[in-house]
Amino acid sequence: MEKDRINAQGDPDGPDSSSSFSSSASVWYFAYGSNMRASVMTGRGLHIAATQAVVLPSHMLTFDIFGIPYTEPAMASISPRPRPHSGIQNRCGIPLEQAPDVHGAAYLLSKSDFTKLVLSEGAGTAYREIEVEALVLPPPGNVTDTSEVTVEVTSASTSIRAKTLVARYPFRPNAAPSARYLDVLVQGAQELGLPVSYVEYLQSLPRFTKAAAGKEQLGAKSFIAFWMPLASHLMRWVKFHADDENGRAPEWMGGLPNLVERQWGKGK
């Protein structure tokens, strides 16, 4: 049967066109990374009007946002599923076709808060904005396995058209995110009541661990001491020049952080 849709105002029978979506006073935002934790969102001064646990069958979770070497090597993004039997693998050798559908939170935000969110995520330098259709999951406790969810949502009654942010300059192959960052994703998934199998998938992902001692630790400390102040100053400068209406910096500025990160990526 045809799915009912939740529009940007949260009305299940509201209009579904792109024009009505973009003109609404509110925006559904799909969060799949650390923003799955509501405290991360509210800690940025964002007000969440409504929350839905959702799944996005068209995409999978990736870690191709280049972060800070030796501390936070990679941040989450999402990517369309590859063609069946394409043989594409991530850095750890796991076929991407075996990755589950990406799960997360759909948050209803005001347009001004969505603009603040874009600004807080790098003012459009790391991420670009896309629209997706997410399927609302059954209430927590009704299902515990992703396969059950798949059966449920394909015949479910509700979908949400949402905006989300994906890698503007994806780094491939994926790097391993830090243990700290993955723990935040796991906590967010648990708070949302996402299927146990998806939580276990997040827990099973490879994690970057810092060097405990020796030359590698010394090199990491030297790198961070030199680059972190410069990188922080660059991002403050980019955000300062962001547009007040959409939270995005001029497009040419986005190439500056990317250029720095590409140079970092050439190292070991």
C-alpha atoms as a PDB file:
ATOM      1  CA  MET A   1       0.000   0.000   0.000  1.00  0.00           C
ATOM      2  CA  GLU A   2       1.084   3.579  -0.560  1.00  0.00           C
ATOM      3  CA  LYS A   3       2.996   5.068   2.371  1.00  0.00           C
ATOM      4  CA  ASP A   4       1.649   8.029   4.288  1.00  0.00           C
ATOM      5  CA  ARG A   5       4.248  10.755   4.639  1.00  0.00           C
ATOM      6  CA  ILE A   6       5.140  13.073   7.467  1.00  0.00           C
ATOM      7  CA  ASN A   7       5.818  16.531   6.119  1.00  0.00           C
ATOM      8  CA  ALA A   8       8.095  19.132   7.653  1.00  0.00           C
ATOM      9  CA  GLN A   9       5.373  20.301  10.053  1.00  0.00           C
ATOM     10  CA  GLY A  10       4.895  16.744  11.304  1.00  0.00           C
ATOM     11  CA  ASP A  11       1.422  16.301   9.763  1.00  0.00           C
ATOM     12  CA  PRO A  12       1.007  12.702   8.514  1.00  0.00           C
ATOM     13  CA  ASP A  13      -1.244  13.786   5.654  1.00  0.00           C
ATOM     14  CA  GLY A  14       0.636  16.945   4.698  1.00  0.00           C
ATOM     15  CA  PRO A  15       2.011  17.825   1.265  1.00  0.00           C
ATOM     16  CA  ASP A  16       5.031  16.007  -0.038  1.00  0.00           C
ATOM     17  CA  SER A  17       6.433  18.149  -2.853  1.00  0.00           C
ATOM     18  CA  SER A  18       9.928  19.595  -2.817  1.00  0.00           C
ATOM     19  CA  SER A  19       8.528  23.125  -2.937  1.00  0.00           C
ATOM     20  CA  SER A  20       6.377  22.659   0.153  1.00  0.00           C
ATOM     21  CA  PHE A  21       9.272  20.932   1.910  1.00  0.00           C
ATOM     22  CA  SER A  22      11.662  23.800   1.298  1.00  0.00           C
ATOM     23  CA  SER A  23       9.161  26.527   2.148  1.00  0.00           C
ATOM     24  CA  SER A  24       8.163  25.054   5.503  1.00  0.00           C
ATOM     25  CA  ALA A  25       9.059  26.757   8.761  1.00  0.00           C
ATOM     26  CA  SER A  26      10.392  23.433  10.075  1.00  0.00           C
ATOM     27  CA  VAL A  27      12.828  20.840   8.775  1.00  0.00           C
ATOM     28  CA  TRP A  28      13.199  17.143   9.436  1.00  0.00           C
ATOM     29  CA  TYR A  29      16.898  16.344   9.844  1.00  0.00           C
ATOM     30  CA  PHE A  30      18.277  12.783   9.648  1.00  0.00           C
ATOM     31  CA  ALA A  31      21.098  12.168  12.161  1.00  0.00           C
ATOM     32  CA  TYR A  32      23.187   9.009  11.876  1.00  0.00           C
ATOM     33  CA  GLY A  33      26.460   9.832  13.683  1.00  0.00           C
ATOM     34  CA  SER A  34      27.162  11.476  17.023  1.00  0.00           C
ATOM     35  CA  ASN A  35      24.060  13.634  16.540  1.00  0.00           C
ATOM     36  CA  MET A  36      21.956  10.553  17.316  1.00  0.00           C
ATOM     37  CA  ARG A  37      22.553  11.534  20.941  1.00  0.00           C
ATOM     38  CA  ALA A  38      20.023  14.215  21.785  1.00  0.00           C
ATOM     39  CA  SER A  39      22.464  15.736  24.294  1.00  0.00           C
ATOM     40  CA  VAL A  40      24.898  16.460  21.443  1.00  0.00           C
ATOM     41  CA  MET A  41      22.178  18.423  19.659  1.00  0.00           C
ATOM     42  CA  THR A  42      20.927  20.304  22.705  1.00  0.00           C
ATOM     43  CA  GLY A  43      24.520  21.011  23.709  1.00  0.00           C
ATOM     44  CA  ARG A  44      24.767  23.122  20.548  1.00  0.00           C
ATOM     45  CA  GLY A  45      21.744  25.137  21.598  1.00  0.00           C
ATOM     46  CA  LEU A  46      19.366  23.350  19.193  1.00  0.00           C
ATOM     47  CA  HIS A  47      15.736  22.746  20.130  1.00  0.00           C
ATOM     48  CA  ILE A  48      14.293  19.393  19.048  1.00  0.00           C
ATOM     49  CA  ALA A  49      10.542  19.648  18.453  1.00  0.00           C
ATOM     50  CA  ALA A  50      10.049  15.935  17.705  1.00  0.00           C
ATOM     51  CA  THR A  51      12.127  12.768  17.357  1.00  0.00           C
ATOM     52  CA  GLN A  52      11.557   9.567  15.385  1.00  0.00           C
ATOM     53  CA  ALA A  53      13.787   6.499  15.166  1.00  0.00           C
ATOM     54  CA  VAL A  54      14.195   5.765  11.459  1.00  0.00           C
ATOM     55  CA  VAL A  55      16.039   3.632   8.918  1.00  0.00           C
ATOM     56  CA  LEU A  56      17.288   4.646   5.477  1.00  0.00           C
ATOM     57  CA  PRO A  57      17.252   1.554   3.212  1.00  0.00           C
ATOM     58  CA  SER A  58      18.900   3.414   0.328  1.00  0.00           C
ATOM     59  CA  HIS A  59      22.119   4.220   2.219  1.00  0.00           C
ATOM     60  CA  MET A  60      24.722   2.736   4.537  1.00  0.00           C
ATOM     61  CA  LEU A  61      26.990   4.182   7.199  1.00  0.00           C
ATOM     62  CA  THR A  62      30.513   5.198   6.159  1.00  0.00           C
ATOM     63  CA  PHE A  63      33.455   6.936   7.833  1.00  0.00           C
ATOM     64  CA  ASP A  64      34.846   9.021   4.998  1.00  0.00           C
ATOM     65  CA  ILE A  65      34.928  12.454   6.620  1.00  0.00           C
ATOM     66  CA  PHE A  66      38.615  13.060   7.248  1.00  0.00           C
ATOM     67  CA  GLY A  67      39.152  14.195  10.837  1.00  0.00           C
ATOM     68  CA  ILE A  68      42.236  15.000  12.902  1.00  0.00           C
ATOM     69  CA  PRO A  69      45.046  12.431  12.606  1.00  0.00           C
ATOM     70  CA  TYR A  70      46.045  10.654  15.829  1.00  0.00           C
ATOM     71  CA  THR A  71      42.930  11.815  17.717  1.00  0.00           C
ATOM     72  CA  GLU A  72      39.749  11.650  15.608  1.00  0.00           C
ATOM     73  CA  PRO A  73      40.848  10.126  12.277  1.00  0.00           C
ATOM     74  CA  ALA A  74      37.392   9.820  10.705  1.00  0.00           C
ATOM     75  CA  MET A  75      33.833  11.019  11.154  1.00  0.00           C
ATOM     76  CA  ALA A  76      30.603   9.443   9.980  1.00  0.00           C
ATOM     77  CA  SER A  77      28.842  10.009   6.691  1.00  0.00           C
ATOM     78  CA  ILE A  78      26.468   7.935   4.591  1.00  0.00           C
ATOM     79  CA  SER A  79      26.711   6.649   1.051  1.00  0.00           C
ATOM     80  CA  PRO A  80      24.256   5.132  -1.435  1.00  0.00           C
ATOM     81  CA  ARG A  81      24.466   1.375  -1.528  1.00  0.00           C
ATOM     82  CA  PRO A  82      26.810   0.042  -4.233  1.00  0.00           C
ATOM     83  CA  ARG A  83      25.455  -2.056  -7.049  1.00  0.00           C
ATOM     84  CA  PRO A  84      24.933  -5.701  -6.078  1.00  0.00           C
ATOM     85  CA  HIS A  85      28.074  -7.824  -6.387  1.00  0.00           C
ATOM     86  CA  SER A  86      30.242  -4.803  -7.172  1.00  0.00           C
ATOM     87  CA  GLY A  87      32.944  -6.142  -4.859  1.00  0.00           C
ATOM     88  CA  ILE A  88      33.456  -2.742  -3.247  1.00  0.00           C
ATOM     89  CA  GLN A  89      35.052  -3.081   0.182  1.00  0.00           C
ATOM     90  CA  ASN A  90      35.877  -0.737   3.006  1.00  0.00           C
ATOM     91  CA  ARG A  91      39.350  -0.348   4.450  1.00  0.00           C
ATOM     92  CA  CYS A  92      38.868  -3.327   6.740  1.00  0.00           C
ATOM     93  CA  GLY A  93      38.024  -5.655   3.870  1.00  0.00           C
ATOM     94  CA  ILE A  94      34.330  -6.036   4.697  1.00  0.00           C
ATOM     95  CA  PRO A  95      32.121  -5.987   1.580  1.00  0.00           C
ATOM     96  CA  LEU A  96      29.994  -2.875   1.792  1.00  0.00           C
ATOM     97  CA  GLU A  97      26.997  -4.821   0.530  1.00  0.00           C
ATOM     98  CA  GLN A  98      27.023  -6.667   3.868  1.00  0.00           C
ATOM     99  CA  ALA A  99      26.644  -3.459   5.881  1.00  0.00           C
ATOM    100  CA  PRO A 100      23.139  -2.913   7.277  1.00  0.00           C
ATOM    101  CA  ASP A 101      20.865  -0.082   6.225  1.00  0.00           C
ATOM    102  CA  VAL A 102      21.861   3.046   8.098  1.00  0.00           C
ATOM    103  CA  HIS A 103      19.682   3.773  11.127  1.00  0.00           C
ATOM    104  CA  GLY A 104      19.367   6.998  13.054  1.00  0.00           C
ATOM    105  CA  ALA A 105      17.164   9.780  14.366  1.00  0.00           C
ATOM    106  CA  ALA A 106      14.832  12.087  12.492  1.00  0.00           C
ATOM    107  CA  TYR A 107      14.710  15.381  14.381  1.00  0.00           C
ATOM    108  CA  LEU A 108      12.187  18.111  13.684  1.00  0.00           C
ATOM    109  CA  LEU A 109      14.054  21.441  13.825  1.00  0.00           C
ATOM    110  CA  SER A 110      13.185  25.012  13.049  1.00  0.00           C
ATOM    111  CA  LYS A 111      14.833  26.369   9.916  1.00  0.00           C
ATOM    112  CA  SER A 112      16.995  28.668  12.021  1.00  0.00           C
ATOM    113  CA  ASP A 113      18.184  25.747  14.147  1.00  0.00           C
ATOM    114  CA  PHE A 114      18.954  23.717  11.031  1.00  0.00           C
ATOM    115  CA  THR A 115      21.073  26.640   9.841  1.00  0.00           C
ATOM    116  CA  LYS A 116      22.891  26.606  13.188  1.00  0.00           C
ATOM    117  CA  LEU A 117      23.435  22.880  12.782  1.00  0.00           C
ATOM    118  CA  VAL A 118      25.006  23.335   9.333  1.00  0.00           C
ATOM    119  CA  LEU A 119      27.267  26.029  10.769  1.00  0.00           C
ATOM    120  CA  SER A 120      28.327  23.801  13.661  1.00  0.00           C
ATOM    121  CA  GLU A 121      29.188  21.009  11.212  1.00  0.00           C
ATOM    122  CA  GLY A 122      31.783  23.107   9.393  1.00  0.00           C
ATOM    123  CA  ALA A 123      29.643  25.654   7.540  1.00  0.00           C
ATOM    124  CA  GLY A 124      29.345  23.401   4.504  1.00  0.00           C
ATOM    125  CA  THR A 125      33.073  22.755   4.119  1.00  0.00           C
ATOM    126  CA  ALA A 126      33.009  19.091   5.185  1.00  0.00           C
ATOM    127  CA  TYR A 127      29.411  18.187   4.398  1.00  0.00           C
ATOM    128  CA  ARG A 128      26.902  18.861   1.661  1.00  0.00           C
ATOM    129  CA  GLU A 129      23.155  18.744   2.054  1.00  0.00           C
ATOM    130  CA  ILE A 130      20.874  16.151   0.460  1.00  0.00           C
ATOM    131  CA  GLU A 131      17.241  15.089   0.886  1.00  0.00           C
ATOM    132  CA  VAL A 132      16.373  11.505   1.777  1.00  0.00           C
ATOM    133  CA  GLU A 133      13.292   9.461   2.568  1.00  0.00           C
ATOM    134  CA  ALA A 134      13.538   7.662   5.906  1.00  0.00           C
ATOM    135  CA  LEU A 135      11.191   4.955   7.147  1.00  0.00           C
ATOM    136  CA  VAL A 136       9.885   5.232  10.693  1.00  0.00           C
ATOM    137  CA  LEU A 137      10.809   2.258  12.876  1.00  0.00           C
ATOM    138  CA  PRO A 138       8.377   0.423  15.140  1.00  0.00           C
ATOM    139  CA  PRO A 139       8.432   1.470  18.814  1.00  0.00           C
ATOM    140  CA  PRO A 140      11.398   0.154  20.856  1.00  0.00           C
ATOM    141  CA  GLY A 141      10.845  -3.354  22.109  1.00  0.00           C
ATOM    142  CA  ASN A 142       8.677  -4.433  19.186  1.00  0.00           C
ATOM    143  CA  VAL A 143      11.658  -5.719  17.217  1.00  0.00           C
ATOM    144  CA  THR A 144      15.196  -6.733  18.079  1.00  0.00           C
ATOM    145  CA  ASP A 145      16.583  -7.744  14.725  1.00  0.00           C
ATOM    146  CA  THR A 146      17.299  -5.711  11.596  1.00  0.00           C
ATOM    147  CA  SER A 147      15.739  -8.352   9.359  1.00  0.00           C
ATOM    148  CA  GLU A 148      12.473  -8.008  11.295  1.00  0.00           C
ATOM    149  CA  VAL A 149      12.645  -4.247  10.894  1.00  0.00           C
ATOM    150  CA  THR A 150      13.121  -4.600   7.145  1.00  0.00           C
ATOM    151  CA  VAL A 151       9.950  -6.650   6.860  1.00  0.00           C
ATOM    152  CA  GLU A 152       8.104  -4.194   9.085  1.00  0.00           C
ATOM    153  CA  VAL A 153       9.098  -0.954   7.404  1.00  0.00           C
ATOM    154  CA  THR A 154       8.517  -2.090   3.834  1.00  0.00           C
ATOM    155  CA  SER A 155       4.838  -2.425   4.693  1.00  0.00           C
ATOM    156  CA  ALA A 156       4.787   0.329   7.299  1.00  0.00           C
ATOM    157  CA  SER A 157       2.537   3.358   7.176  1.00  0.00           C
ATOM    158  CA  THR A 158       4.967   6.226   7.640  1.00  0.00           C
ATOM    159  CA  SER A 159       7.958   7.754   5.931  1.00  0.00           C
ATOM    160  CA  ILE A 160       9.692  11.063   6.516  1.00  0.00           C
ATOM    161  CA  ARG A 161      11.367  13.266   3.954  1.00  0.00           C
ATOM    162  CA  ALA A 162      14.377  14.720   5.678  1.00  0.00           C
ATOM    163  CA  LYS A 163      17.496  16.699   5.034  1.00  0.00           C
ATOM    164  CA  THR A 164      20.843  15.252   5.998  1.00  0.00           C
ATOM    165  CA  LEU A 165      24.531  16.027   5.572  1.00  0.00           C
ATOM    166  CA  VAL A 166      26.973  13.807   3.661  1.00  0.00           C
ATOM    167  CA  ALA A 167      30.672  14.025   2.867  1.00  0.00           C
ATOM    168  CA  ARG A 168      31.517  16.824   0.457  1.00  0.00           C
ATOM    169  CA  TYR A 169      35.000  15.389  -0.140  1.00  0.00           C
ATOM    170  CA  PRO A 170      34.762  11.692   0.804  1.00  0.00           C
ATOM    171  CA  PHE A 171      38.041  10.011   1.680  1.00  0.00           C
ATOM    172  CA  ARG A 172      38.262   6.461   0.404  1.00  0.00           C
ATOM    173  CA  PRO A 173      38.928   3.890   1.646  1.00  0.00           C
ATOM    174  CA  ASN A 174      37.315   4.556   5.002  1.00  0.00           C
ATOM    175  CA  ALA A 175      39.542   5.102   8.011  1.00  0.00           C
ATOM    176  CA  ALA A 176      38.741   3.710  11.444  1.00  0.00           C
ATOM    177  CA  PRO A 177      37.005   6.188  13.767  1.00  0.00           C
ATOM    178  CA  SER A 178      38.197   6.678  17.329  1.00  0.00           C
ATOM    179  CA  ALA A 179      36.882   4.528  20.156  1.00  0.00           C
ATOM    180  CA  ARG A 180      35.475   7.670  21.795  1.00  0.00           C
ATOM    181  CA  TYR A 181      33.531   8.623  18.666  1.00  0.00           C
ATOM    182  CA  LEU A 182      32.120   5.130  18.105  1.00  0.00           C
ATOM    183  CA  ASP A 183      31.036   4.962  21.739  1.00  0.00           C
ATOM    184  CA  VAL A 184      28.964   8.115  21.191  1.00  0.00           C
ATOM    185  CA  LEU A 185      27.267   6.466  18.186  1.00  0.00           C
ATOM    186  CA  VAL A 186      26.521   3.349  20.229  1.00  0.00           C
ATOM    187  CA  GLN A 187      25.094   5.424  23.079  1.00  0.00           C
ATOM    188  CA  GLY A 188      22.924   7.380  20.655  1.00  0.00           C
ATOM    189  CA  ALA A 189      21.620   4.203  19.025  1.00  0.00           C
ATOM    190  CA  GLN A 190      20.773   2.734  22.419  1.00  0.00           C
ATOM    191  CA  GLU A 191      19.002   5.905  23.545  1.00  0.00           C
ATOM    192  CA  LEU A 192      16.872   5.829  20.386  1.00  0.00           C
ATOM    193  CA  GLY A 193      15.966   2.197  20.938  1.00  0.00           C
ATOM    194  CA  LEU A 194      17.412   1.121  17.585  1.00  0.00           C
ATOM    195  CA  PRO A 195      17.445  -2.627  16.825  1.00  0.00           C
ATOM    196  CA  VAL A 196      19.909  -4.640  18.895  1.00  0.00           C
ATOM    197  CA  SER A 197      21.525  -5.995  15.732  1.00  0.00           C
ATOM    198  CA  TYR A 198      22.356  -2.451  14.566  1.00  0.00           C
ATOM    199  CA  VAL A 199      23.808  -1.531  17.957  1.00  0.00           C
ATOM    200  CA  GLU A 200      25.933  -4.675  17.831  1.00  0.00           C
ATOM    201  CA  TYR A 201      27.080  -3.755  14.329  1.00  0.00           C
ATOM    202  CA  LEU A 202      28.298  -0.378  15.586  1.00  0.00           C
ATOM    203  CA  GLN A 203      30.050  -2.074  18.497  1.00  0.00           C
ATOM    204  CA  SER A 204      31.799  -4.473  16.110  1.00  0.00           C
ATOM    205  CA  LEU A 205      33.361  -1.777  13.908  1.00  0.00           C
ATOM    206  CA  PRO A 206      37.159  -1.374  14.020  1.00  0.00           C
ATOM    207  CA  ARG A 207      38.374   1.450  16.253  1.00  0.00           C
ATOM    208  CA  PHE A 208      41.441   3.635  16.127  1.00  0.00           C
ATOM    209  CA  THR A 209      43.490   3.446  19.316  1.00  0.00           C
ATOM    210  CA  LYS A 210      46.125   5.977  20.246  1.00  0.00           C
ATOM    211  CA  ALA A 211      49.750   4.953  20.604  1.00  0.00           C
ATOM    212  CA  ALA A 212      50.596   4.354  24.249  1.00  0.00           C
ATOM    213  CA  ALA A 213      54.280   5.242  24.063  1.00  0.00           C
ATOM    214  CA  GLY A 214      57.348   5.492  21.875  1.00  0.00           C
ATOM    215  CA  LYS A 215      58.127   7.419  18.720  1.00  0.00           C
ATOM    216  CA  GLU A 216      54.574   7.190  17.391  1.00  0.00           C
ATOM    217  CA  GLN A 217      53.198   8.874  20.500  1.00  0.00           C
ATOM    218  CA  LEU A 218      55.865  11.573  20.306  1.00  0.00           C
ATOM    219  CA  GLY A 219      55.102  12.149  16.631  1.00  0.00           C
ATOM    220  CA  ALA A 220      51.377  12.345  17.348  1.00  0.00           C
ATOM    221  CA  LYS A 221      51.868  14.926  20.091  1.00  0.00           C
ATOM    222  CA  SER A 222      54.139  17.014  17.870  1.00  0.00           C
ATOM    223  CA  PHE A 223      51.651  16.891  14.995  1.00  0.00           C
ATOM    224  CA  ILE A 224      48.735  17.923  17.197  1.00  0.00           C
ATOM    225  CA  ALA A 225      50.699  20.701  18.906  1.00  0.00           C
ATOM    226  CA  PHE A 226      51.600  22.240  15.532  1.00  0.00           C
ATOM    227  CA  TRP A 227      48.439  21.681  13.505  1.00  0.00           C
ATOM    228  CA  MET A 228      45.546  21.948  15.957  1.00  0.00           C
ATOM    229  CA  PRO A 229      45.868  25.713  16.600  1.00  0.00           C
ATOM    230  CA  LEU A 230      46.126  26.360  12.845  1.00  0.00           C
ATOM    231  CA  ALA A 231      43.177  24.114  12.005  1.00  0.00           C
ATOM    232  CA  SER A 232      41.038  25.663  14.746  1.00  0.00           C
ATOM    233  CA  HIS A 233      41.852  29.173  13.542  1.00  0.00           C
ATOM    234  CA  LEU A 234      41.021  28.213   9.948  1.00  0.00           C
ATOM    235  CA  MET A 235      37.614  26.805  10.915  1.00  0.00           C
ATOM    236  CA  ARG A 236      36.771  29.870  13.009  1.00  0.00           C
ATOM    237  CA  TRP A 237      37.638  32.041  10.018  1.00  0.00           C
ATOM    238  CA  VAL A 238      35.456  29.935   7.704  1.00  0.00           C
ATOM    239  CA  LYS A 239      32.483  30.043  10.103  1.00  0.00           C
ATOM    240  CA  PHE A 240      32.888  33.792  10.540  1.00  0.00           C
ATOM    241  CA  HIS A 241      32.319  34.234   6.796  1.00  0.00           C
ATOM    242  CA  ALA A 242      29.331  31.870   6.669  1.00  0.00           C
ATOM    243  CA  ASP A 243      26.037  33.168   5.298  1.00  0.00           C
ATOM    244  CA  ASP A 244      23.615  34.099   8.074  1.00  0.00           C
ATOM    245  CA  GLU A 245      20.651  32.645   6.168  1.00  0.00           C
ATOM    246  CA  ASN A 246      21.938  29.169   5.361  1.00  0.00           C
ATOM    247  CA  GLY A 247      24.983  28.696   7.604  1.00  0.00           C
ATOM    248  CA  ARG A 248      27.276  27.952   4.658  1.00  0.00           C
ATOM    249  CA  ALA A 249      30.605  29.549   3.869  1.00  0.00           C
ATOM    250  CA  PRO A 250      31.428  30.632   0.289  1.00  0.00           C
ATOM    251  CA  GLU A 251      32.141  27.572  -1.824  1.00  0.00           C
ATOM    252  CA  TRP A 252      35.768  28.496  -2.513  1.00  0.00           C
ATOM    253  CA  MET A 253      36.476  28.539   1.233  1.00  0.00           C
ATOM    254  CA  GLY A 254      35.473  24.916   1.487  1.00  0.00           C
ATOM    255  CA  GLY A 255      38.531  23.945  -0.490  1.00  0.00           C
ATOM    256  CA  LEU A 256      40.900  25.328   2.145  1.00  0.00           C
ATOM    257  CA  PRO A 257      40.167  22.836   4.950  1.00  0.00           C
ATOM    258  CA  ASN A 258      40.012  20.088   2.333  1.00  0.00           C
ATOM    259  CA  LEU A 259      43.459  21.064   1.025  1.00  0.00           C
ATOM    260  CA  VAL A 260      44.912  20.857   4.530  1.00  0.00           C
ATOM    261  CA  GLU A 261      43.281  17.481   5.148  1.00  0.00           C
ATOM    262  CA  ARG A 262      44.539  16.122   1.825  1.00  0.00           C
ATOM    263  CA  GLN A 263      48.064  17.004   2.911  1.00  0.00           C
ATOM    264  CA  TRP A 264      47.520  15.250   6.227  1.00  0.00           C
ATOM    265  CA  GLY A 265      46.259  12.219   4.352  1.00  0.00           C
ATOM    266  CA  LYS A 266      49.543  11.886   2.496  1.00  0.00           C
ATOM    267  CA  GLY A 267      51.340  11.058   5.749  1.00  0.00           C
ATOM    268  CA  LYS A 268      51.537   7.841   7.661  1.00  0.00           C
END
